[in-house]
Amino acid sequence: MNFYDLSVEAADGNRVLMSNFKGKVVLVVNTATGCGFTPHYKALQEMYEKYHEKGLEIVDVPCNQFRGQAPGTDEEIHQFCTLKYNTGFPQMRKADVNGENEIELFRYLKKEKGFEGFKAGIKALGMAAILKLTDRDYKKNPDIKWNFTKFVIDRDGKVVARFEPTVDMKKVEECVAALI
């Protein structure tokens, strides 16, 4: 199995085939509307506007698994994102990214790029403290740790990077720009 064999359900119920993105750089991100990292939507939209015509696609998968920070229906989430952040990239149906109901896309991404740490900084320390309360072994498993974890897939369908939400969005953009 490879990235192009996968699909995800769009908010409208249609299947979005990753094979539609062959030859493009893809950024897959699990999102939430009520999270401290929700302002990442602004940077994601700016990146989309800057690089979409050059081959960037963003696959936005809302997820309510982290302290219920993506409440509401798919339509309510979409309205929030378009009104507050003017998002133009497509949103998928809200889904689980960990556990027995995780969607296949995230199972694959986690297998390809496991958790490599939160890096440095106050946000990284905060995330580590939160996770120690809920998963003492969080460093040893590939699970998604929080909302706004990002995976970058190159034009050949290879998962080349995983960025935890604590990583500055400028680093994410540098990675994407290098592949465009």
C-alpha atoms as a PDB file:
ATOM      1  CA  MET A   1       0.000   0.000   0.000  1.00  0.00           C
ATOM      2  CA  ASN A   2       1.133   3.542  -0.728  1.00  0.00           C
ATOM      3  CA  PHE A   3      -0.253   7.036  -0.245  1.00  0.00           C
ATOM      4  CA  TYR A   4      -2.010   7.004  -3.612  1.00  0.00           C
ATOM      5  CA  ASP A   5      -3.990   3.868  -2.674  1.00  0.00           C
ATOM      6  CA  LEU A   6      -5.771   5.759   0.110  1.00  0.00           C
ATOM      7  CA  SER A   7      -8.889   7.889   0.229  1.00  0.00           C
ATOM      8  CA  VAL A   8     -10.750   9.950   2.790  1.00  0.00           C
ATOM      9  CA  GLU A   9     -14.361  11.007   3.095  1.00  0.00           C
ATOM     10  CA  ALA A  10     -15.094  14.627   2.275  1.00  0.00           C
ATOM     11  CA  ALA A  11     -17.512  16.652   4.378  1.00  0.00           C
ATOM     12  CA  ASP A  12     -20.130  16.199   1.631  1.00  0.00           C
ATOM     13  CA  GLY A  13     -19.824  12.396   1.872  1.00  0.00           C
ATOM     14  CA  ASN A  14     -17.886  11.878  -1.369  1.00  0.00           C
ATOM     15  CA  ARG A  15     -14.600   9.963  -1.365  1.00  0.00           C
ATOM     16  CA  VAL A  16     -11.450  11.968  -2.067  1.00  0.00           C
ATOM     17  CA  LEU A  17      -8.835   9.753  -3.670  1.00  0.00           C
ATOM     18  CA  MET A  18      -5.236  10.545  -2.806  1.00  0.00           C
ATOM     19  CA  SER A  19      -4.387   9.367  -6.329  1.00  0.00           C
ATOM     20  CA  ASN A  20      -6.021  12.610  -7.494  1.00  0.00           C
ATOM     21  CA  PHE A  21      -2.972  14.341  -6.020  1.00  0.00           C
ATOM     22  CA  LYS A  22      -0.296  12.455  -7.982  1.00  0.00           C
ATOM     23  CA  GLY A  23       2.470  14.847  -8.918  1.00  0.00           C
ATOM     24  CA  LYS A  24       1.499  17.349  -6.220  1.00  0.00           C
ATOM     25  CA  VAL A  25       2.838  18.198  -2.778  1.00  0.00           C
ATOM     26  CA  VAL A  26       0.228  17.306  -0.165  1.00  0.00           C
ATOM     27  CA  LEU A  27      -0.075  18.597   3.379  1.00  0.00           C
ATOM     28  CA  VAL A  28      -2.363  16.452   5.549  1.00  0.00           C
ATOM     29  CA  VAL A  29      -3.410  17.973   8.862  1.00  0.00           C
ATOM     30  CA  ASN A  30      -5.828  17.026  11.638  1.00  0.00           C
ATOM     31  CA  THR A  31      -7.583  20.166  12.796  1.00  0.00           C
ATOM     32  CA  ALA A  32      -9.907  21.544  15.456  1.00  0.00           C
ATOM     33  CA  THR A  33     -11.850  24.760  15.771  1.00  0.00           C
ATOM     34  CA  GLY A  34     -11.519  25.204  19.542  1.00  0.00           C
ATOM     35  CA  CYS A  35      -7.820  24.542  20.073  1.00  0.00           C
ATOM     36  CA  GLY A  36      -4.947  26.791  21.093  1.00  0.00           C
ATOM     37  CA  PHE A  37      -3.390  25.893  17.732  1.00  0.00           C
ATOM     38  CA  THR A  38      -6.506  26.850  15.713  1.00  0.00           C
ATOM     39  CA  PRO A  39      -4.736  30.023  14.471  1.00  0.00           C
ATOM     40  CA  HIS A  40      -2.622  27.632  12.348  1.00  0.00           C
ATOM     41  CA  TYR A  41      -5.561  27.865   9.934  1.00  0.00           C
ATOM     42  CA  LYS A  42      -4.370  31.371   9.031  1.00  0.00           C
ATOM     43  CA  ALA A  43      -0.878  30.152   8.110  1.00  0.00           C
ATOM     44  CA  LEU A  44      -2.297  27.121   6.300  1.00  0.00           C
ATOM     45  CA  GLN A  45      -4.546  29.350   4.188  1.00  0.00           C
ATOM     46  CA  GLU A  46      -1.669  31.712   3.419  1.00  0.00           C
ATOM     47  CA  MET A  47       0.463  28.752   2.341  1.00  0.00           C
ATOM     48  CA  TYR A  48      -2.402  27.416   0.223  1.00  0.00           C
ATOM     49  CA  GLU A  49      -2.813  30.758  -1.539  1.00  0.00           C
ATOM     50  CA  LYS A  50       0.931  31.061  -2.120  1.00  0.00           C
ATOM     51  CA  TYR A  51       1.609  27.519  -3.395  1.00  0.00           C
ATOM     52  CA  HIS A  52      -1.642  25.992  -4.626  1.00  0.00           C
ATOM     53  CA  GLU A  53      -1.121  27.054  -8.237  1.00  0.00           C
ATOM     54  CA  LYS A  54       2.393  25.572  -8.018  1.00  0.00           C
ATOM     55  CA  GLY A  55       1.081  22.192  -6.889  1.00  0.00           C
ATOM     56  CA  LEU A  56       0.208  22.273  -3.173  1.00  0.00           C
ATOM     57  CA  GLU A  57      -2.898  20.513  -1.901  1.00  0.00           C
ATOM     58  CA  ILE A  58      -4.086  20.575   1.709  1.00  0.00           C
ATOM     59  CA  VAL A  59      -6.160  17.745   3.160  1.00  0.00           C
ATOM     60  CA  ASP A  60      -7.875  19.079   6.295  1.00  0.00           C
ATOM     61  CA  VAL A  61      -9.337  16.394   8.572  1.00  0.00           C
ATOM     62  CA  PRO A  62     -11.187  17.825  11.592  1.00  0.00           C
ATOM     63  CA  CYS A  63     -10.819  15.634  14.672  1.00  0.00           C
ATOM     64  CA  ASN A  64     -12.613  15.787  18.000  1.00  0.00           C
ATOM     65  CA  GLN A  65     -10.374  13.297  19.849  1.00  0.00           C
ATOM     66  CA  PHE A  66      -8.326  15.834  21.780  1.00  0.00           C
ATOM     67  CA  ARG A  67     -10.387  17.255  24.627  1.00  0.00           C
ATOM     68  CA  GLY A  68     -13.412  17.715  22.385  1.00  0.00           C
ATOM     69  CA  GLN A  69     -11.898  20.693  20.584  1.00  0.00           C
ATOM     70  CA  ALA A  70     -13.732  20.113  17.296  1.00  0.00           C
ATOM     71  CA  PRO A  71     -17.361  20.125  18.373  1.00  0.00           C
ATOM     72  CA  GLY A  72     -20.211  20.615  15.983  1.00  0.00           C
ATOM     73  CA  THR A  73     -21.188  19.214  12.644  1.00  0.00           C
ATOM     74  CA  ASP A  74     -19.018  19.169   9.543  1.00  0.00           C
ATOM     75  CA  GLU A  75     -21.053  22.102   8.226  1.00  0.00           C
ATOM     76  CA  GLU A  76     -20.562  24.119  11.435  1.00  0.00           C
ATOM     77  CA  ILE A  77     -16.813  23.456  11.330  1.00  0.00           C
ATOM     78  CA  HIS A  78     -16.683  24.514   7.679  1.00  0.00           C
ATOM     79  CA  GLN A  79     -18.613  27.712   8.403  1.00  0.00           C
ATOM     80  CA  PHE A  80     -16.276  28.586  11.272  1.00  0.00           C
ATOM     81  CA  CYS A  81     -13.171  28.075   9.123  1.00  0.00           C
ATOM     82  CA  THR A  82     -14.431  29.993   6.129  1.00  0.00           C
ATOM     83  CA  LEU A  83     -15.795  32.891   8.174  1.00  0.00           C
ATOM     84  CA  LYS A  84     -12.914  33.247  10.629  1.00  0.00           C
ATOM     85  CA  TYR A  85      -9.946  32.215   8.447  1.00  0.00           C
ATOM     86  CA  ASN A  86     -11.333  32.444   4.898  1.00  0.00           C
ATOM     87  CA  THR A  87     -10.115  28.921   4.194  1.00  0.00           C
ATOM     88  CA  GLY A  88     -10.252  27.831   0.580  1.00  0.00           C
ATOM     89  CA  PHE A  89      -8.809  24.347   0.843  1.00  0.00           C
ATOM     90  CA  PRO A  90     -11.230  21.439   1.125  1.00  0.00           C
ATOM     91  CA  GLN A  91     -12.249  20.001   4.470  1.00  0.00           C
ATOM     92  CA  MET A  92     -12.900  16.350   4.991  1.00  0.00           C
ATOM     93  CA  ARG A  93     -15.486  14.751   7.241  1.00  0.00           C
ATOM     94  CA  LYS A  94     -14.607  14.853  10.938  1.00  0.00           C
ATOM     95  CA  ALA A  95     -12.743  11.641  11.785  1.00  0.00           C
ATOM     96  CA  ASP A  96     -10.636   9.832  14.367  1.00  0.00           C
ATOM     97  CA  VAL A  97      -6.873   9.839  13.849  1.00  0.00           C
ATOM     98  CA  ASN A  98      -6.034   7.395  16.670  1.00  0.00           C
ATOM     99  CA  GLY A  99      -7.585   4.279  18.124  1.00  0.00           C
ATOM    100  CA  GLU A 100      -9.903   1.585  16.885  1.00  0.00           C
ATOM    101  CA  ASN A 101     -11.904   4.000  14.700  1.00  0.00           C
ATOM    102  CA  GLU A 102      -8.943   5.841  13.172  1.00  0.00           C
ATOM    103  CA  ILE A 103      -9.178   6.371   9.453  1.00  0.00           C
ATOM    104  CA  GLU A 104      -6.813   4.467   7.204  1.00  0.00           C
ATOM    105  CA  LEU A 105      -5.104   7.646   5.973  1.00  0.00           C
ATOM    106  CA  PHE A 106      -3.763   8.451   9.445  1.00  0.00           C
ATOM    107  CA  ARG A 107      -2.879   4.824  10.169  1.00  0.00           C
ATOM    108  CA  TYR A 108      -0.676   4.929   7.070  1.00  0.00           C
ATOM    109  CA  LEU A 109       0.842   8.348   7.801  1.00  0.00           C
ATOM    110  CA  LYS A 110       1.764   7.358  11.376  1.00  0.00           C
ATOM    111  CA  LYS A 111       3.381   4.164  10.096  1.00  0.00           C
ATOM    112  CA  GLU A 112       5.473   6.169   7.638  1.00  0.00           C
ATOM    113  CA  LYS A 113       6.456   8.966  10.053  1.00  0.00           C
ATOM    114  CA  GLY A 114       6.263   8.269  13.751  1.00  0.00           C
ATOM    115  CA  PHE A 115       6.492  10.739  16.579  1.00  0.00           C
ATOM    116  CA  GLU A 116       9.927  12.389  16.726  1.00  0.00           C
ATOM    117  CA  GLY A 117       9.352  14.801  19.608  1.00  0.00           C
ATOM    118  CA  PHE A 118       7.929  18.243  20.145  1.00  0.00           C
ATOM    119  CA  LYS A 119      11.268  20.041  19.625  1.00  0.00           C
ATOM    120  CA  ALA A 120      12.069  22.955  21.975  1.00  0.00           C
ATOM    121  CA  GLY A 121      10.148  25.864  23.423  1.00  0.00           C
ATOM    122  CA  ILE A 122       7.397  26.676  25.854  1.00  0.00           C
ATOM    123  CA  LYS A 123       4.664  25.099  23.707  1.00  0.00           C
ATOM    124  CA  ALA A 124       6.691  21.892  23.477  1.00  0.00           C
ATOM    125  CA  LEU A 125       7.101  21.779  27.247  1.00  0.00           C
ATOM    126  CA  GLY A 126       3.384  22.395  27.713  1.00  0.00           C
ATOM    127  CA  MET A 127       2.413  19.613  25.317  1.00  0.00           C
ATOM    128  CA  ALA A 128       4.805  17.195  27.025  1.00  0.00           C
ATOM    129  CA  ALA A 129       3.292  18.030  30.409  1.00  0.00           C
ATOM    130  CA  ILE A 130      -0.265  17.482  29.149  1.00  0.00           C
ATOM    131  CA  LEU A 131       0.597  14.181  27.510  1.00  0.00           C
ATOM    132  CA  LYS A 132       2.424  12.809  30.546  1.00  0.00           C
ATOM    133  CA  LEU A 133      -0.920  12.961  32.352  1.00  0.00           C
ATOM    134  CA  THR A 134      -2.771  10.916  29.736  1.00  0.00           C
ATOM    135  CA  ASP A 135      -0.098   8.717  28.099  1.00  0.00           C
ATOM    136  CA  ARG A 136       3.120   8.146  30.006  1.00  0.00           C
ATOM    137  CA  ASP A 137       4.595   6.319  27.001  1.00  0.00           C
ATOM    138  CA  TYR A 138       3.644   8.974  24.447  1.00  0.00           C
ATOM    139  CA  LYS A 139       7.258   9.257  23.235  1.00  0.00           C
ATOM    140  CA  LYS A 140       7.311   5.583  22.257  1.00  0.00           C
ATOM    141  CA  ASN A 141       4.226   5.370  20.043  1.00  0.00           C
ATOM    142  CA  PRO A 142       3.418   6.948  16.681  1.00  0.00           C
ATOM    143  CA  ASP A 143      -0.026   8.203  17.689  1.00  0.00           C
ATOM    144  CA  ILE A 144      -1.122  11.703  16.820  1.00  0.00           C
ATOM    145  CA  LYS A 145      -0.516  13.667  20.002  1.00  0.00           C
ATOM    146  CA  TRP A 146      -2.740  16.688  19.416  1.00  0.00           C
ATOM    147  CA  ASN A 147      -4.639  18.772  16.894  1.00  0.00           C
ATOM    148  CA  PHE A 148      -2.720  20.335  13.994  1.00  0.00           C
ATOM    149  CA  THR A 149      -0.192  17.565  13.482  1.00  0.00           C
ATOM    150  CA  LYS A 150       0.951  17.907   9.885  1.00  0.00           C
ATOM    151  CA  PHE A 151       2.336  15.412   7.368  1.00  0.00           C
ATOM    152  CA  VAL A 152       4.043  16.495   4.142  1.00  0.00           C
ATOM    153  CA  ILE A 153       3.916  14.169   1.145  1.00  0.00           C
ATOM    154  CA  ASP A 154       6.168  14.843  -1.839  1.00  0.00           C
ATOM    155  CA  ARG A 155       5.220  14.743  -5.524  1.00  0.00           C
ATOM    156  CA  ASP A 156       6.044  11.020  -5.651  1.00  0.00           C
ATOM    157  CA  GLY A 157       3.724  10.108  -2.784  1.00  0.00           C
ATOM    158  CA  LYS A 158       6.435   9.687  -0.154  1.00  0.00           C
ATOM    159  CA  VAL A 159       5.738  10.940   3.372  1.00  0.00           C
ATOM    160  CA  VAL A 160       8.777  13.156   3.900  1.00  0.00           C
ATOM    161  CA  ALA A 161       7.996  15.010   7.121  1.00  0.00           C
ATOM    162  CA  ARG A 162       5.815  15.085  10.212  1.00  0.00           C
ATOM    163  CA  PHE A 163       5.395  18.305  12.129  1.00  0.00           C
ATOM    164  CA  GLU A 164       3.906  18.377  15.593  1.00  0.00           C
ATOM    165  CA  PRO A 165       1.628  21.342  16.365  1.00  0.00           C
ATOM    166  CA  THR A 166       4.364  22.928  18.487  1.00  0.00           C
ATOM    167  CA  VAL A 167       6.605  23.434  15.442  1.00  0.00           C
ATOM    168  CA  ASP A 168       6.559  26.944  14.002  1.00  0.00           C
ATOM    169  CA  MET A 169       4.495  27.110  10.815  1.00  0.00           C
ATOM    170  CA  LYS A 170       7.458  28.789   9.098  1.00  0.00           C
ATOM    171  CA  LYS A 171       9.298  25.442   9.315  1.00  0.00           C
ATOM    172  CA  VAL A 172       6.327  23.704   7.714  1.00  0.00           C
ATOM    173  CA  GLU A 173       6.293  26.254   4.910  1.00  0.00           C
ATOM    174  CA  GLU A 174      10.053  25.862   4.367  1.00  0.00           C
ATOM    175  CA  CYS A 175       9.549  22.126   3.897  1.00  0.00           C
ATOM    176  CA  VAL A 176       6.661  22.633   1.475  1.00  0.00           C
ATOM    177  CA  ALA A 177       8.510  25.337  -0.476  1.00  0.00           C
ATOM    178  CA  ALA A 178      11.536  23.084  -0.891  1.00  0.00           C
ATOM    179  CA  LEU A 179       9.306  20.469  -2.555  1.00  0.00           C
ATOM    180  CA  ILE A 180       7.378  22.870  -4.801  1.00  0.00           C
END
